[in-house]
Amino acid sequence: MVTADHPPALLQPLLPWWRALPREGGLPLWAGDLVFDLKPWLSHLLMVRFARDGLDARYTLYGSALVEFTGCDLTGRGLRDASKSPGFTITAASYITARDSGRPYWSRVRVDLPGGEKIRYDRLLLPFCCADGDARVLGAIRFDERLPRFWEVDDMRLSIEQEALLT
């Protein structure tokens, strides 16, 4: 069960880790050495960087399990235009919500694949500040099951089934 304090079990260790990090201005300060703490989740992580100068947010990390699932590496692409998949703009908006609220954001996402197959995943988004004034949102995604990749990325449809800003 997901509550305001408890994301799904596979992502649960990330929330206390994020809460215990040193804070600057209310948010944890992203530092490169944090990646060592994230080793168990690395292939399931993505990072979005929001530049302080207002330029479009960009993916700066897109884990190998995510690339394997979609067949597309979004690293370096803009948050709003990285995919043409239906529903992508709705799921991308969640990163902005996490950044603007300064709170963790959990969602349950459904992916409709060609041929009627569906897969679901849980997503936990954690906001950070950066020493240079930029902001980042780290995303961790855990799929319910592992499927072989046989579709084109633009052929899938994304929808959020459940969501919650966590405390």
C-alpha atoms as a PDB file:
ATOM      1  CA  MET A   1       0.000   0.000   0.000  1.00  0.00           C
ATOM      2  CA  VAL A   2       1.246   3.483  -0.836  1.00  0.00           C
ATOM      3  CA  THR A   3       0.744   6.266   1.663  1.00  0.00           C
ATOM      4  CA  ALA A   4       2.113   9.763   1.984  1.00  0.00           C
ATOM      5  CA  ASP A   5       5.162   8.305   3.701  1.00  0.00           C
ATOM      6  CA  HIS A   6       5.609   4.874   2.112  1.00  0.00           C
ATOM      7  CA  PRO A   7       6.281   4.263  -1.579  1.00  0.00           C
ATOM      8  CA  PRO A   8       6.217   0.652  -2.869  1.00  0.00           C
ATOM      9  CA  ALA A   9       8.693  -1.737  -1.234  1.00  0.00           C
ATOM     10  CA  LEU A  10      11.234  -1.820  -4.084  1.00  0.00           C
ATOM     11  CA  LEU A  11      11.660   1.955  -3.937  1.00  0.00           C
ATOM     12  CA  GLN A  12      11.191   2.355  -0.182  1.00  0.00           C
ATOM     13  CA  PRO A  13      14.900   2.560   0.782  1.00  0.00           C
ATOM     14  CA  LEU A  14      15.359   5.641  -1.405  1.00  0.00           C
ATOM     15  CA  LEU A  15      12.988   7.853   0.560  1.00  0.00           C
ATOM     16  CA  PRO A  16      14.756   7.629   3.971  1.00  0.00           C
ATOM     17  CA  TRP A  17      18.096   7.982   2.145  1.00  0.00           C
ATOM     18  CA  TRP A  18      16.876  11.217   0.500  1.00  0.00           C
ATOM     19  CA  ARG A  19      15.417  12.541   3.782  1.00  0.00           C
ATOM     20  CA  ALA A  20      18.701  11.948   5.652  1.00  0.00           C
ATOM     21  CA  LEU A  21      20.921  13.827   3.166  1.00  0.00           C
ATOM     22  CA  PRO A  22      22.435  17.166   4.220  1.00  0.00           C
ATOM     23  CA  ARG A  23      20.185  20.030   3.174  1.00  0.00           C
ATOM     24  CA  GLU A  24      20.755  23.388   1.589  1.00  0.00           C
ATOM     25  CA  GLY A  25      17.713  25.631   1.390  1.00  0.00           C
ATOM     26  CA  GLY A  26      15.355  22.796   2.302  1.00  0.00           C
ATOM     27  CA  LEU A  27      16.543  20.361  -0.377  1.00  0.00           C
ATOM     28  CA  PRO A  28      19.422  17.920  -0.487  1.00  0.00           C
ATOM     29  CA  LEU A  29      22.405  19.209  -2.431  1.00  0.00           C
ATOM     30  CA  TRP A  30      23.213  16.942  -5.379  1.00  0.00           C
ATOM     31  CA  ALA A  31      26.838  15.827  -5.317  1.00  0.00           C
ATOM     32  CA  GLY A  32      28.488  13.361  -7.669  1.00  0.00           C
ATOM     33  CA  ASP A  33      29.483  11.057  -4.835  1.00  0.00           C
ATOM     34  CA  LEU A  34      25.805  10.338  -4.122  1.00  0.00           C
ATOM     35  CA  VAL A  35      25.824   7.972  -7.062  1.00  0.00           C
ATOM     36  CA  PHE A  36      27.695   5.393  -4.964  1.00  0.00           C
ATOM     37  CA  ASP A  37      24.723   5.171  -2.580  1.00  0.00           C
ATOM     38  CA  LEU A  38      22.478   4.536  -5.569  1.00  0.00           C
ATOM     39  CA  LYS A  39      24.396   1.577  -6.974  1.00  0.00           C
ATOM     40  CA  PRO A  40      21.563  -0.975  -6.502  1.00  0.00           C
ATOM     41  CA  TRP A  41      19.234   1.183  -8.588  1.00  0.00           C
ATOM     42  CA  LEU A  42      21.591   2.639 -11.230  1.00  0.00           C
ATOM     43  CA  SER A  43      20.104   0.933 -14.269  1.00  0.00           C
ATOM     44  CA  HIS A  44      16.629   2.065 -13.170  1.00  0.00           C
ATOM     45  CA  LEU A  45      17.513   5.728 -12.590  1.00  0.00           C
ATOM     46  CA  LEU A  46      17.102   8.839 -14.624  1.00  0.00           C
ATOM     47  CA  MET A  47      17.988  12.430 -13.882  1.00  0.00           C
ATOM     48  CA  VAL A  48      16.439  15.643 -15.150  1.00  0.00           C
ATOM     49  CA  ARG A  49      18.395  18.884 -14.818  1.00  0.00           C
ATOM     50  CA  PHE A  50      16.561  22.200 -14.614  1.00  0.00           C
ATOM     51  CA  ALA A  51      18.957  24.994 -15.540  1.00  0.00           C
ATOM     52  CA  ARG A  52      18.764  28.112 -13.370  1.00  0.00           C
ATOM     53  CA  ASP A  53      18.800  30.276 -16.519  1.00  0.00           C
ATOM     54  CA  GLY A  54      15.385  28.910 -17.519  1.00  0.00           C
ATOM     55  CA  LEU A  55      16.536  26.842 -20.484  1.00  0.00           C
ATOM     56  CA  ASP A  56      14.565  23.674 -21.146  1.00  0.00           C
ATOM     57  CA  ALA A  57      15.027  20.880 -18.635  1.00  0.00           C
ATOM     58  CA  ARG A  58      17.085  17.980 -19.998  1.00  0.00           C
ATOM     59  CA  TYR A  59      17.680  14.367 -19.151  1.00  0.00           C
ATOM     60  CA  THR A  60      21.271  14.044 -17.969  1.00  0.00           C
ATOM     61  CA  LEU A  61      21.055  10.347 -17.090  1.00  0.00           C
ATOM     62  CA  TYR A  62      18.875   7.564 -18.446  1.00  0.00           C
ATOM     63  CA  GLY A  63      19.558   4.129 -16.964  1.00  0.00           C
ATOM     64  CA  SER A  64      20.337   1.056 -19.033  1.00  0.00           C
ATOM     65  CA  ALA A  65      17.184  -0.839 -17.913  1.00  0.00           C
ATOM     66  CA  LEU A  66      15.103   2.102 -19.108  1.00  0.00           C
ATOM     67  CA  VAL A  67      16.928   2.192 -22.442  1.00  0.00           C
ATOM     68  CA  GLU A  68      16.438  -1.555 -22.798  1.00  0.00           C
ATOM     69  CA  PHE A  69      12.706  -1.187 -22.168  1.00  0.00           C
ATOM     70  CA  THR A  70      12.078   1.753 -24.504  1.00  0.00           C
ATOM     71  CA  GLY A  71      14.833   1.150 -27.040  1.00  0.00           C
ATOM     72  CA  CYS A  72      15.690   4.825 -26.756  1.00  0.00           C
ATOM     73  CA  ASP A  73      18.273   6.702 -24.670  1.00  0.00           C
ATOM     74  CA  LEU A  74      16.802  10.050 -23.623  1.00  0.00           C
ATOM     75  CA  THR A  75      20.098  11.372 -22.217  1.00  0.00           C
ATOM     76  CA  GLY A  76      20.606  14.913 -23.494  1.00  0.00           C
ATOM     77  CA  ARG A  77      17.046  15.285 -24.738  1.00  0.00           C
ATOM     78  CA  GLY A  78      14.607  17.904 -23.503  1.00  0.00           C
ATOM     79  CA  LEU A  79      12.118  16.895 -20.834  1.00  0.00           C
ATOM     80  CA  ARG A  80       9.114  18.156 -22.782  1.00  0.00           C
ATOM     81  CA  ASP A  81      10.038  16.852 -26.237  1.00  0.00           C
ATOM     82  CA  ALA A  82      12.052  13.688 -25.588  1.00  0.00           C
ATOM     83  CA  SER A  83       9.298  11.386 -26.830  1.00  0.00           C
ATOM     84  CA  LYS A  84       6.251  11.510 -29.063  1.00  0.00           C
ATOM     85  CA  SER A  85       4.561   8.664 -27.170  1.00  0.00           C
ATOM     86  CA  PRO A  86       0.997   9.550 -26.169  1.00  0.00           C
ATOM     87  CA  GLY A  87       0.888  10.483 -22.493  1.00  0.00           C
ATOM     88  CA  PHE A  88       4.591  11.352 -22.309  1.00  0.00           C
ATOM     89  CA  THR A  89       3.958  15.057 -21.666  1.00  0.00           C
ATOM     90  CA  ILE A  90       1.711  14.151 -18.729  1.00  0.00           C
ATOM     91  CA  THR A  91       4.322  11.901 -17.136  1.00  0.00           C
ATOM     92  CA  ALA A  92       7.070  14.468 -17.866  1.00  0.00           C
ATOM     93  CA  ALA A  93       5.082  17.140 -16.010  1.00  0.00           C
ATOM     94  CA  SER A  94       5.561  15.110 -12.803  1.00  0.00           C
ATOM     95  CA  TYR A  95       9.233  16.093 -12.732  1.00  0.00           C
ATOM     96  CA  ILE A  96       8.230  19.743 -12.715  1.00  0.00           C
ATOM     97  CA  THR A  97       5.780  19.059  -9.880  1.00  0.00           C
ATOM     98  CA  ALA A  98       8.534  17.396  -7.815  1.00  0.00           C
ATOM     99  CA  ARG A  99      10.948  20.264  -8.489  1.00  0.00           C
ATOM    100  CA  ASP A 100       8.414  23.029  -7.779  1.00  0.00           C
ATOM    101  CA  SER A 101       7.050  21.417  -4.605  1.00  0.00           C
ATOM    102  CA  GLY A 102      10.446  20.308  -3.259  1.00  0.00           C
ATOM    103  CA  ARG A 103       8.757  17.066  -2.228  1.00  0.00           C
ATOM    104  CA  PRO A 104       9.154  13.457  -3.318  1.00  0.00           C
ATOM    105  CA  TYR A 105       6.569  12.371  -5.846  1.00  0.00           C
ATOM    106  CA  TRP A 106       5.372   8.805  -6.342  1.00  0.00           C
ATOM    107  CA  SER A 107       3.280   7.545  -9.233  1.00  0.00           C
ATOM    108  CA  ARG A 108       2.008   4.303 -10.667  1.00  0.00           C
ATOM    109  CA  VAL A 109       2.310   4.397 -14.454  1.00  0.00           C
ATOM    110  CA  ARG A 110       0.711   2.121 -17.022  1.00  0.00           C
ATOM    111  CA  VAL A 111       2.328   1.564 -20.396  1.00  0.00           C
ATOM    112  CA  ASP A 112       0.045   0.292 -23.142  1.00  0.00           C
ATOM    113  CA  LEU A 113       2.094  -1.556 -25.750  1.00  0.00           C
ATOM    114  CA  PRO A 114       1.128  -2.409 -29.313  1.00  0.00           C
ATOM    115  CA  GLY A 115      -1.001  -5.527 -29.467  1.00  0.00           C
ATOM    116  CA  GLY A 116      -2.814  -4.724 -26.215  1.00  0.00           C
ATOM    117  CA  GLU A 117      -0.075  -5.781 -23.797  1.00  0.00           C
ATOM    118  CA  LYS A 118       0.242  -3.616 -20.675  1.00  0.00           C
ATOM    119  CA  ILE A 119       3.056  -3.179 -18.212  1.00  0.00           C
ATOM    120  CA  ARG A 120       3.066  -1.106 -15.060  1.00  0.00           C
ATOM    121  CA  TYR A 121       5.793   0.532 -13.071  1.00  0.00           C
ATOM    122  CA  ASP A 122       6.265   2.545  -9.915  1.00  0.00           C
ATOM    123  CA  ARG A 123       8.197   5.775 -10.125  1.00  0.00           C
ATOM    124  CA  LEU A 124       9.706   7.794  -7.289  1.00  0.00           C
ATOM    125  CA  LEU A 125      10.941  11.319  -8.070  1.00  0.00           C
ATOM    126  CA  LEU A 126      13.318  13.046  -5.646  1.00  0.00           C
ATOM    127  CA  PRO A 127      14.160  16.765  -5.994  1.00  0.00           C
ATOM    128  CA  PHE A 128      17.650  18.177  -5.375  1.00  0.00           C
ATOM    129  CA  CYS A 129      19.353  21.544  -5.538  1.00  0.00           C
ATOM    130  CA  CYS A 130      22.789  22.035  -7.115  1.00  0.00           C
ATOM    131  CA  ALA A 131      25.681  24.201  -5.987  1.00  0.00           C
ATOM    132  CA  ASP A 132      25.558  26.103  -9.309  1.00  0.00           C
ATOM    133  CA  GLY A 133      21.909  27.106  -8.769  1.00  0.00           C
ATOM    134  CA  ASP A 134      20.397  24.497 -11.053  1.00  0.00           C
ATOM    135  CA  ALA A 135      17.854  21.986  -9.787  1.00  0.00           C
ATOM    136  CA  ARG A 136      17.689  18.259 -10.435  1.00  0.00           C
ATOM    137  CA  VAL A 137      15.067  15.583 -10.063  1.00  0.00           C
ATOM    138  CA  LEU A 138      16.238  12.013  -9.679  1.00  0.00           C
ATOM    139  CA  GLY A 139      13.776   9.400 -10.851  1.00  0.00           C
ATOM    140  CA  ALA A 140      13.782   5.731  -9.893  1.00  0.00           C
ATOM    141  CA  ILE A 141      11.602   3.332 -11.874  1.00  0.00           C
ATOM    142  CA  ARG A 142      10.762  -0.268 -11.015  1.00  0.00           C
ATOM    143  CA  PHE A 143       8.817  -2.357 -13.514  1.00  0.00           C
ATOM    144  CA  ASP A 144       6.404  -5.042 -12.337  1.00  0.00           C
ATOM    145  CA  GLU A 145       7.878  -7.461 -14.842  1.00  0.00           C
ATOM    146  CA  ARG A 146      10.578  -7.650 -17.436  1.00  0.00           C
ATOM    147  CA  LEU A 147       9.368  -7.877 -20.999  1.00  0.00           C
ATOM    148  CA  PRO A 148      11.295  -8.438 -24.194  1.00  0.00           C
ATOM    149  CA  ARG A 149      11.539  -5.287 -26.272  1.00  0.00           C
ATOM    150  CA  PHE A 150       9.708  -5.556 -29.570  1.00  0.00           C
ATOM    151  CA  TRP A 151       7.939  -2.231 -30.143  1.00  0.00           C
ATOM    152  CA  GLU A 152       8.887   1.223 -31.280  1.00  0.00           C
ATOM    153  CA  VAL A 153       9.121   3.806 -28.520  1.00  0.00           C
ATOM    154  CA  ASP A 154       6.529   6.057 -30.174  1.00  0.00           C
ATOM    155  CA  ASP A 155       4.057   3.145 -30.292  1.00  0.00           C
ATOM    156  CA  MET A 156       3.601   2.959 -26.536  1.00  0.00           C
ATOM    157  CA  ARG A 157       1.069   5.005 -24.596  1.00  0.00           C
ATOM    158  CA  LEU A 158       1.742   6.188 -21.012  1.00  0.00           C
ATOM    159  CA  SER A 159      -0.837   7.022 -18.366  1.00  0.00           C
ATOM    160  CA  ILE A 160      -0.648   7.736 -14.649  1.00  0.00           C
ATOM    161  CA  GLU A 161      -2.968   5.460 -12.655  1.00  0.00           C
ATOM    162  CA  GLN A 162      -2.109   6.753  -9.176  1.00  0.00           C
ATOM    163  CA  GLU A 163       0.071   9.548  -7.846  1.00  0.00           C
ATOM    164  CA  ALA A 164       0.942  11.241  -4.578  1.00  0.00           C
ATOM    165  CA  LEU A 165       3.234  13.967  -3.309  1.00  0.00           C
ATOM    166  CA  LEU A 166       4.985  12.406  -0.327  1.00  0.00           C
ATOM    167  CA  THR A 167       5.906  14.088   2.928  1.00  0.00           C
END
